[in-house]
Amino acid sequence: MILSLSRRTPTHRKPHKHTKATLISAGSALAVAGLVAGTTAAWPGSSGSPGNLADAAAFAGSHASARSVAPQTVQADTSHQLRAVQATVLQAQLRQAAQAKARKAAQARAAAKAAAAAKAAAAAKAVAAAARQAAQSSSSAASAATPQGDPQQIAQSMLGSFGWSSSQFSCLQPLWNQESGWNVTASNPTSGAYGIPQALPGSKMASAGADWQTSAATQIRWGLGYIQSSYGSPCAAWSHEQADGWY
């Protein structure tokens, strides 16, 4: 009789969770032990005493912490420095923008001031030119209004402005020839009459012009006005002169 022996194949079972934790804890313990051992060997003056082992463990722990924390610290410092640089650049850009804006505003003010000054200068120049032109026109008009020539020629040219014809000069000429001889500075020592028309007093002729003492035109203008208001015409004045010896 042959007996058959059956072999049981061992069943592989999955380790329980607490088994994994135990293994991980064991591995961690071994790793820490190895780290401590290596650190102890590298620790200066290590002799394996409990004190030295504690110091070595502390040293190893500090290096392990440094290795795990240092990258985060460097990254945080780098980020902080980057933000600081960005803030500095932004401030510089803002400062440059403000300076550019201030320069632009100053240039605009300077341009406006220059334009206003140029406009004022142009206006002043125009006013001065207008004043010169007006003065020239006034001078020309005065020259044109003032008759030229000797006293008798001046008198003939003025007859029309009083509404008389040139024939009236035939009476005016002998009238003033008898009174003053057509002399601008003729003066009657007895009565004080003065000038071509023998105004009494001579200062009456100031109503015709401030230059009444020396201007034949001023004296003649006043004399013709007096004849017109008193006699109506030179011929009527001459008739009175002939009849009474004065007019």
C-alpha atoms as a PDB file:
ATOM      1  CA  MET A   1       0.000   0.000   0.000  1.00  0.00           C
ATOM      2  CA  ILE A   2       1.449   3.125  -1.126  1.00  0.00           C
ATOM      3  CA  LEU A   3       0.822   6.041   1.051  1.00  0.00           C
ATOM      4  CA  SER A   4       0.733   9.409  -0.749  1.00  0.00           C
ATOM      5  CA  LEU A   5       1.946  12.325   1.111  1.00  0.00           C
ATOM      6  CA  SER A   6       0.359  15.643   0.179  1.00  0.00           C
ATOM      7  CA  ARG A   7       2.270  18.789   0.652  1.00  0.00           C
ATOM      8  CA  ARG A   8       0.527  21.839   1.699  1.00  0.00           C
ATOM      9  CA  THR A   9       1.569  24.920  -0.209  1.00  0.00           C
ATOM     10  CA  PRO A  10       2.030  27.747   2.189  1.00  0.00           C
ATOM     11  CA  THR A  11      -0.516  30.400   1.651  1.00  0.00           C
ATOM     12  CA  HIS A  12       0.830  33.933   1.161  1.00  0.00           C
ATOM     13  CA  ARG A  13      -1.116  36.295   3.250  1.00  0.00           C
ATOM     14  CA  LYS A  14      -1.120  40.080   3.001  1.00  0.00           C
ATOM     15  CA  PRO A  15       0.361  41.688   6.013  1.00  0.00           C
ATOM     16  CA  HIS A  16      -2.018  43.585   8.181  1.00  0.00           C
ATOM     17  CA  LYS A  17      -1.908  47.347   8.349  1.00  0.00           C
ATOM     18  CA  HIS A  18      -0.371  47.256  11.776  1.00  0.00           C
ATOM     19  CA  THR A  19       2.323  45.001  10.368  1.00  0.00           C
ATOM     20  CA  LYS A  20       3.128  47.660   7.674  1.00  0.00           C
ATOM     21  CA  ALA A  21       3.254  50.330  10.315  1.00  0.00           C
ATOM     22  CA  THR A  22       5.529  48.126  12.392  1.00  0.00           C
ATOM     23  CA  LEU A  23       7.835  47.585   9.455  1.00  0.00           C
ATOM     24  CA  ILE A  24       7.856  51.280   8.575  1.00  0.00           C
ATOM     25  CA  SER A  25       8.526  52.135  12.191  1.00  0.00           C
ATOM     26  CA  ALA A  26      11.280  49.571  12.315  1.00  0.00           C
ATOM     27  CA  GLY A  27      12.785  50.910   9.100  1.00  0.00           C
ATOM     28  CA  SER A  28      12.574  54.442  10.386  1.00  0.00           C
ATOM     29  CA  ALA A  29      14.180  53.355  13.628  1.00  0.00           C
ATOM     30  CA  LEU A  30      16.967  51.643  11.743  1.00  0.00           C
ATOM     31  CA  ALA A  31      17.428  54.709   9.539  1.00  0.00           C
ATOM     32  CA  VAL A  32      17.549  56.986  12.532  1.00  0.00           C
ATOM     33  CA  ALA A  33      19.927  54.572  14.265  1.00  0.00           C
ATOM     34  CA  GLY A  34      22.164  54.508  11.225  1.00  0.00           C
ATOM     35  CA  LEU A  35      21.995  58.322  10.964  1.00  0.00           C
ATOM     36  CA  VAL A  36      22.885  58.606  14.628  1.00  0.00           C
ATOM     37  CA  ALA A  37      25.660  56.088  14.285  1.00  0.00           C
ATOM     38  CA  GLY A  38      27.099  57.819  11.282  1.00  0.00           C
ATOM     39  CA  THR A  39      26.757  61.162  12.937  1.00  0.00           C
ATOM     40  CA  THR A  40      28.377  59.797  16.055  1.00  0.00           C
ATOM     41  CA  ALA A  41      31.333  58.600  14.045  1.00  0.00           C
ATOM     42  CA  ALA A  42      31.606  61.982  12.376  1.00  0.00           C
ATOM     43  CA  TRP A  43      31.026  63.949  15.562  1.00  0.00           C
ATOM     44  CA  PRO A  44      34.240  65.421  16.867  1.00  0.00           C
ATOM     45  CA  GLY A  45      35.631  63.682  19.946  1.00  0.00           C
ATOM     46  CA  SER A  46      33.015  60.940  19.818  1.00  0.00           C
ATOM     47  CA  SER A  47      33.700  58.122  22.305  1.00  0.00           C
ATOM     48  CA  GLY A  48      30.387  56.347  22.389  1.00  0.00           C
ATOM     49  CA  SER A  49      29.384  57.732  25.737  1.00  0.00           C
ATOM     50  CA  PRO A  50      25.716  58.447  26.368  1.00  0.00           C
ATOM     51  CA  GLY A  51      26.375  62.189  26.432  1.00  0.00           C
ATOM     52  CA  ASN A  52      28.164  62.135  23.126  1.00  0.00           C
ATOM     53  CA  LEU A  53      25.448  59.967  21.644  1.00  0.00           C
ATOM     54  CA  ALA A  54      22.813  62.462  22.709  1.00  0.00           C
ATOM     55  CA  ASP A  55      24.819  65.302  21.233  1.00  0.00           C
ATOM     56  CA  ALA A  56      25.278  63.369  18.014  1.00  0.00           C
ATOM     57  CA  ALA A  57      21.578  62.670  17.843  1.00  0.00           C
ATOM     58  CA  ALA A  58      20.808  66.316  18.311  1.00  0.00           C
ATOM     59  CA  PHE A  59      23.353  67.243  15.648  1.00  0.00           C
ATOM     60  CA  ALA A  60      21.870  64.719  13.225  1.00  0.00           C
ATOM     61  CA  GLY A  61      18.378  65.959  13.959  1.00  0.00           C
ATOM     62  CA  SER A  62      19.368  69.541  13.322  1.00  0.00           C
ATOM     63  CA  HIS A  63      20.948  68.608   9.992  1.00  0.00           C
ATOM     64  CA  ALA A  64      17.901  66.603   9.007  1.00  0.00           C
ATOM     65  CA  SER A  65      15.672  69.565   9.896  1.00  0.00           C
ATOM     66  CA  ALA A  66      17.981  71.898   7.956  1.00  0.00           C
ATOM     67  CA  ARG A  67      17.768  69.629   4.907  1.00  0.00           C
ATOM     68  CA  SER A  68      13.984  69.526   5.066  1.00  0.00           C
ATOM     69  CA  VAL A  69      13.369  73.222   5.941  1.00  0.00           C
ATOM     70  CA  ALA A  70      16.114  74.967   3.995  1.00  0.00           C
ATOM     71  CA  PRO A  71      14.490  74.640   0.526  1.00  0.00           C
ATOM     72  CA  GLN A  72      11.230  76.132   1.808  1.00  0.00           C
ATOM     73  CA  THR A  73      13.114  78.961   3.520  1.00  0.00           C
ATOM     74  CA  VAL A  74      15.148  79.720   0.375  1.00  0.00           C
ATOM     75  CA  GLN A  75      11.994  79.678  -1.738  1.00  0.00           C
ATOM     76  CA  ALA A  76      10.238  82.046   0.693  1.00  0.00           C
ATOM     77  CA  ASP A  77      13.244  84.393   0.763  1.00  0.00           C
ATOM     78  CA  THR A  78      13.460  84.359  -3.048  1.00  0.00           C
ATOM     79  CA  SER A  79       9.754  85.115  -3.380  1.00  0.00           C
ATOM     80  CA  HIS A  80      10.062  87.952  -0.891  1.00  0.00           C
ATOM     81  CA  GLN A  81      13.068  89.408  -2.704  1.00  0.00           C
ATOM     82  CA  LEU A  82      11.249  89.121  -6.033  1.00  0.00           C
ATOM     83  CA  ARG A  83       8.273  91.010  -4.650  1.00  0.00           C
ATOM     84  CA  ALA A  84      10.599  93.658  -3.231  1.00  0.00           C
ATOM     85  CA  VAL A  85      12.321  94.067  -6.611  1.00  0.00           C
ATOM     86  CA  GLN A  86       8.971  94.271  -8.387  1.00  0.00           C
ATOM     87  CA  ALA A  87       7.783  96.917  -5.916  1.00  0.00           C
ATOM     88  CA  THR A  88      11.000  98.921  -6.450  1.00  0.00           C
ATOM     89  CA  VAL A  89      10.633  98.731 -10.241  1.00  0.00           C
ATOM     90  CA  LEU A  90       6.989  99.772 -10.011  1.00  0.00           C
ATOM     91  CA  GLN A  91       7.878 102.731  -7.810  1.00  0.00           C
ATOM     92  CA  ALA A  92      10.602 103.773 -10.259  1.00  0.00           C
ATOM     93  CA  GLN A  93       8.174 103.533 -13.173  1.00  0.00           C
ATOM     94  CA  LEU A  94       5.564 105.582 -11.323  1.00  0.00           C
ATOM     95  CA  ARG A  95       8.194 108.173 -10.414  1.00  0.00           C
ATOM     96  CA  GLN A  96       9.370 108.388 -14.031  1.00  0.00           C
ATOM     97  CA  ALA A  97       5.773 108.729 -15.252  1.00  0.00           C
ATOM     98  CA  ALA A  98       5.122 111.529 -12.740  1.00  0.00           C
ATOM     99  CA  GLN A  99       8.310 113.325 -13.790  1.00  0.00           C
ATOM    100  CA  ALA A 100       7.394 112.994 -17.475  1.00  0.00           C
ATOM    101  CA  LYS A 101       3.919 114.358 -16.744  1.00  0.00           C
ATOM    102  CA  ALA A 102       5.397 117.280 -14.811  1.00  0.00           C
ATOM    103  CA  ARG A 103       7.810 118.062 -17.661  1.00  0.00           C
ATOM    104  CA  LYS A 104       4.978 117.942 -20.178  1.00  0.00           C
ATOM    105  CA  ALA A 105       2.855 120.272 -18.057  1.00  0.00           C
ATOM    106  CA  ALA A 106       5.777 122.691 -17.644  1.00  0.00           C
ATOM    107  CA  GLN A 107       6.389 122.681 -21.390  1.00  0.00           C
ATOM    108  CA  ALA A 108       2.689 123.349 -22.030  1.00  0.00           C
ATOM    109  CA  ARG A 109       2.735 126.263 -19.581  1.00  0.00           C
ATOM    110  CA  ALA A 110       5.872 127.694 -21.168  1.00  0.00           C
ATOM    111  CA  ALA A 111       4.358 127.382 -24.657  1.00  0.00           C
ATOM    112  CA  ALA A 112       1.133 129.074 -23.531  1.00  0.00           C
ATOM    113  CA  LYS A 113       3.113 131.874 -21.871  1.00  0.00           C
ATOM    114  CA  ALA A 114       5.221 132.398 -25.006  1.00  0.00           C
ATOM    115  CA  ALA A 115       2.094 132.430 -27.195  1.00  0.00           C
ATOM    116  CA  ALA A 116       0.422 134.980 -24.906  1.00  0.00           C
ATOM    117  CA  ALA A 117       3.542 137.169 -24.939  1.00  0.00           C
ATOM    118  CA  ALA A 118       3.745 136.985 -28.731  1.00  0.00           C
ATOM    119  CA  LYS A 119       0.052 137.846 -29.021  1.00  0.00           C
ATOM    120  CA  ALA A 120       0.444 140.810 -26.665  1.00  0.00           C
ATOM    121  CA  ALA A 121       3.506 142.030 -28.576  1.00  0.00           C
ATOM    122  CA  ALA A 122       1.639 141.747 -31.870  1.00  0.00           C
ATOM    123  CA  ALA A 123      -1.332 143.640 -30.414  1.00  0.00           C
ATOM    124  CA  ALA A 124       0.936 146.380 -29.051  1.00  0.00           C
ATOM    125  CA  LYS A 125       2.679 146.631 -32.412  1.00  0.00           C
ATOM    126  CA  ALA A 126      -0.649 146.912 -34.201  1.00  0.00           C
ATOM    127  CA  VAL A 127      -1.822 149.630 -31.797  1.00  0.00           C
ATOM    128  CA  ALA A 128       1.417 151.567 -32.274  1.00  0.00           C
ATOM    129  CA  ALA A 129       1.127 151.273 -36.051  1.00  0.00           C
ATOM    130  CA  ALA A 130      -2.492 152.460 -35.932  1.00  0.00           C
ATOM    131  CA  ALA A 131      -1.482 155.417 -33.751  1.00  0.00           C
ATOM    132  CA  ARG A 132       1.302 156.379 -36.158  1.00  0.00           C
ATOM    133  CA  GLN A 133      -1.051 156.100 -39.105  1.00  0.00           C
ATOM    134  CA  ALA A 134      -3.677 158.198 -37.329  1.00  0.00           C
ATOM    135  CA  ALA A 135      -1.078 160.834 -36.456  1.00  0.00           C
ATOM    136  CA  GLN A 136       0.142 160.918 -40.036  1.00  0.00           C
ATOM    137  CA  SER A 137      -3.416 161.168 -41.323  1.00  0.00           C
ATOM    138  CA  SER A 138      -4.190 163.951 -38.867  1.00  0.00           C
ATOM    139  CA  SER A 139      -1.052 165.793 -39.839  1.00  0.00           C
ATOM    140  CA  SER A 140      -1.845 165.365 -43.521  1.00  0.00           C
ATOM    141  CA  ALA A 141      -5.418 166.515 -42.954  1.00  0.00           C
ATOM    142  CA  ALA A 142      -4.226 169.541 -40.996  1.00  0.00           C
ATOM    143  CA  SER A 143      -1.746 170.385 -43.724  1.00  0.00           C
ATOM    144  CA  ALA A 144      -4.436 169.998 -46.357  1.00  0.00           C
ATOM    145  CA  ALA A 145      -6.922 172.109 -44.329  1.00  0.00           C
ATOM    146  CA  THR A 146      -4.390 174.892 -43.773  1.00  0.00           C
ATOM    147  CA  PRO A 147      -4.208 177.063 -46.895  1.00  0.00           C
ATOM    148  CA  GLN A 148      -0.757 177.711 -48.224  1.00  0.00           C
ATOM    149  CA  GLY A 149       0.673 180.914 -49.662  1.00  0.00           C
ATOM    150  CA  ASP A 150       0.742 184.531 -48.660  1.00  0.00           C
ATOM    151  CA  PRO A 151      -2.078 186.037 -46.554  1.00  0.00           C
ATOM    152  CA  GLN A 152      -4.085 187.216 -49.566  1.00  0.00           C
ATOM    153  CA  GLN A 153      -3.912 183.826 -51.264  1.00  0.00           C
ATOM    154  CA  ILE A 154      -4.997 182.194 -48.007  1.00  0.00           C
ATOM    155  CA  ALA A 155      -7.965 184.579 -47.748  1.00  0.00           C
ATOM    156  CA  GLN A 156      -9.065 183.863 -51.342  1.00  0.00           C
ATOM    157  CA  SER A 157      -8.968 180.094 -50.676  1.00  0.00           C
ATOM    158  CA  MET A 158     -11.163 180.505 -47.568  1.00  0.00           C
ATOM    159  CA  LEU A 159     -13.981 182.528 -49.124  1.00  0.00           C
ATOM    160  CA  GLY A 160     -15.821 179.460 -50.391  1.00  0.00           C
ATOM    161  CA  SER A 161     -15.928 177.858 -46.913  1.00  0.00           C
ATOM    162  CA  PHE A 162     -17.979 180.819 -45.702  1.00  0.00           C
ATOM    163  CA  GLY A 163     -20.366 180.622 -48.648  1.00  0.00           C
ATOM    164  CA  TRP A 164     -18.958 183.547 -50.608  1.00  0.00           C
ATOM    165  CA  SER A 165     -17.845 183.738 -54.201  1.00  0.00           C
ATOM    166  CA  SER A 166     -14.356 184.791 -55.234  1.00  0.00           C
ATOM    167  CA  SER A 167     -15.755 188.216 -56.187  1.00  0.00           C
ATOM    168  CA  GLN A 168     -15.917 189.113 -52.493  1.00  0.00           C
ATOM    169  CA  PHE A 169     -12.161 189.285 -52.452  1.00  0.00           C
ATOM    170  CA  SER A 170     -12.348 192.552 -54.383  1.00  0.00           C
ATOM    171  CA  CYS A 171     -13.892 194.078 -51.241  1.00  0.00           C
ATOM    172  CA  LEU A 172     -11.841 192.154 -48.676  1.00  0.00           C
ATOM    173  CA  GLN A 173      -8.513 193.164 -50.185  1.00  0.00           C
ATOM    174  CA  PRO A 174      -8.934 196.949 -49.742  1.00  0.00           C
ATOM    175  CA  LEU A 175     -10.613 196.483 -46.329  1.00  0.00           C
ATOM    176  CA  TRP A 176      -7.663 194.734 -44.700  1.00  0.00           C
ATOM    177  CA  ASN A 177      -5.164 196.654 -46.718  1.00  0.00           C
ATOM    178  CA  GLN A 178      -6.473 199.785 -45.017  1.00  0.00           C
ATOM    179  CA  GLU A 179      -6.699 198.163 -41.555  1.00  0.00           C
ATOM    180  CA  SER A 180      -3.315 196.392 -41.319  1.00  0.00           C
ATOM    181  CA  GLY A 181      -1.695 196.189 -44.727  1.00  0.00           C
ATOM    182  CA  TRP A 182      -2.183 192.366 -44.404  1.00  0.00           C
ATOM    183  CA  ASN A 183       0.558 192.329 -41.750  1.00  0.00           C
ATOM    184  CA  VAL A 184       0.287 189.454 -39.271  1.00  0.00           C
ATOM    185  CA  THR A 185       1.979 191.375 -36.457  1.00  0.00           C
ATOM    186  CA  ALA A 186       0.339 194.760 -37.100  1.00  0.00           C
ATOM    187  CA  SER A 187      -0.536 196.454 -33.821  1.00  0.00           C
ATOM    188  CA  ASN A 188      -2.478 199.688 -33.238  1.00  0.00           C
ATOM    189  CA  PRO A 189      -0.632 201.603 -30.500  1.00  0.00           C
ATOM    190  CA  THR A 190      -3.707 203.591 -29.623  1.00  0.00           C
ATOM    191  CA  SER A 191      -6.475 200.998 -29.451  1.00  0.00           C
ATOM    192  CA  GLY A 192      -4.394 197.830 -29.069  1.00  0.00           C
ATOM    193  CA  ALA A 193      -6.018 196.130 -32.105  1.00  0.00           C
ATOM    194  CA  TYR A 194      -3.814 193.363 -33.481  1.00  0.00           C
ATOM    195  CA  GLY A 195      -3.185 191.324 -36.620  1.00  0.00           C
ATOM    196  CA  ILE A 196      -4.502 191.328 -40.174  1.00  0.00           C
ATOM    197  CA  PRO A 197      -8.174 191.868 -39.228  1.00  0.00           C
ATOM    198  CA  GLN A 198      -7.208 194.226 -36.338  1.00  0.00           C
ATOM    199  CA  ALA A 199      -9.050 192.287 -33.651  1.00  0.00           C
ATOM    200  CA  LEU A 200      -9.721 194.289 -30.498  1.00  0.00           C
ATOM    201  CA  PRO A 201      -8.312 192.915 -28.295  1.00  0.00           C
ATOM    202  CA  GLY A 202      -6.093 190.610 -30.287  1.00  0.00           C
ATOM    203  CA  SER A 203      -6.651 187.732 -27.853  1.00  0.00           C
ATOM    204  CA  LYS A 204     -10.150 187.278 -29.309  1.00  0.00           C
ATOM    205  CA  MET A 205      -8.503 185.435 -32.196  1.00  0.00           C
ATOM    206  CA  ALA A 206      -7.478 182.624 -29.804  1.00  0.00           C
ATOM    207  CA  SER A 207     -10.930 181.117 -30.493  1.00  0.00           C
ATOM    208  CA  ALA A 208      -9.658 180.310 -34.004  1.00  0.00           C
ATOM    209  CA  GLY A 209      -6.330 178.871 -32.867  1.00  0.00           C
ATOM    210  CA  ALA A 210      -3.630 179.013 -30.241  1.00  0.00           C
ATOM    211  CA  ASP A 211      -1.181 180.415 -32.798  1.00  0.00           C
ATOM    212  CA  TRP A 212      -3.254 183.547 -33.377  1.00  0.00           C
ATOM    213  CA  GLN A 213      -0.284 185.864 -32.787  1.00  0.00           C
ATOM    214  CA  THR A 214       1.824 184.465 -35.674  1.00  0.00           C
ATOM    215  CA  SER A 215      -0.463 182.514 -38.023  1.00  0.00           C
ATOM    216  CA  ALA A 216      -1.994 184.369 -40.970  1.00  0.00           C
ATOM    217  CA  ALA A 217      -4.453 181.518 -41.571  1.00  0.00           C
ATOM    218  CA  THR A 218      -5.733 181.652 -37.963  1.00  0.00           C
ATOM    219  CA  GLN A 219      -6.156 185.431 -38.083  1.00  0.00           C
ATOM    220  CA  ILE A 220      -7.913 185.356 -41.471  1.00  0.00           C
ATOM    221  CA  ARG A 221     -10.258 182.565 -40.362  1.00  0.00           C
ATOM    222  CA  TRP A 222     -11.247 184.579 -37.311  1.00  0.00           C
ATOM    223  CA  GLY A 223     -11.571 187.811 -39.355  1.00  0.00           C
ATOM    224  CA  LEU A 224     -13.855 186.247 -41.984  1.00  0.00           C
ATOM    225  CA  GLY A 225     -16.005 184.769 -39.209  1.00  0.00           C
ATOM    226  CA  TYR A 226     -16.311 188.204 -37.604  1.00  0.00           C
ATOM    227  CA  ILE A 227     -17.285 189.804 -40.949  1.00  0.00           C
ATOM    228  CA  GLN A 228     -19.901 187.123 -41.575  1.00  0.00           C
ATOM    229  CA  SER A 229     -21.519 187.500 -38.148  1.00  0.00           C
ATOM    230  CA  SER A 230     -21.377 191.326 -38.114  1.00  0.00           C
ATOM    231  CA  TYR A 231     -21.958 192.356 -41.772  1.00  0.00           C
ATOM    232  CA  GLY A 232     -22.810 189.255 -43.752  1.00  0.00           C
ATOM    233  CA  SER A 233     -20.107 189.685 -46.401  1.00  0.00           C
ATOM    234  CA  PRO A 234     -16.725 191.372 -47.060  1.00  0.00           C
ATOM    235  CA  CYS A 235     -18.380 193.859 -49.435  1.00  0.00           C
ATOM    236  CA  ALA A 236     -20.881 194.953 -46.743  1.00  0.00           C
ATOM    237  CA  ALA A 237     -18.004 195.375 -44.281  1.00  0.00           C
ATOM    238  CA  TRP A 238     -16.067 197.421 -46.846  1.00  0.00           C
ATOM    239  CA  SER A 239     -19.064 199.693 -47.358  1.00  0.00           C
ATOM    240  CA  HIS A 240     -19.216 200.320 -43.588  1.00  0.00           C
ATOM    241  CA  GLU A 241     -15.490 201.005 -43.520  1.00  0.00           C
ATOM    242  CA  GLN A 242     -15.822 203.538 -46.274  1.00  0.00           C
ATOM    243  CA  ALA A 243     -18.750 205.263 -44.579  1.00  0.00           C
ATOM    244  CA  ASP A 244     -17.546 205.290 -40.958  1.00  0.00           C
ATOM    245  CA  GLY A 245     -13.803 204.697 -41.154  1.00  0.00           C
ATOM    246  CA  TRP A 246     -13.996 201.436 -39.220  1.00  0.00           C
ATOM    247  CA  TYR A 247     -15.821 198.146 -39.420  1.00  0.00           C
END
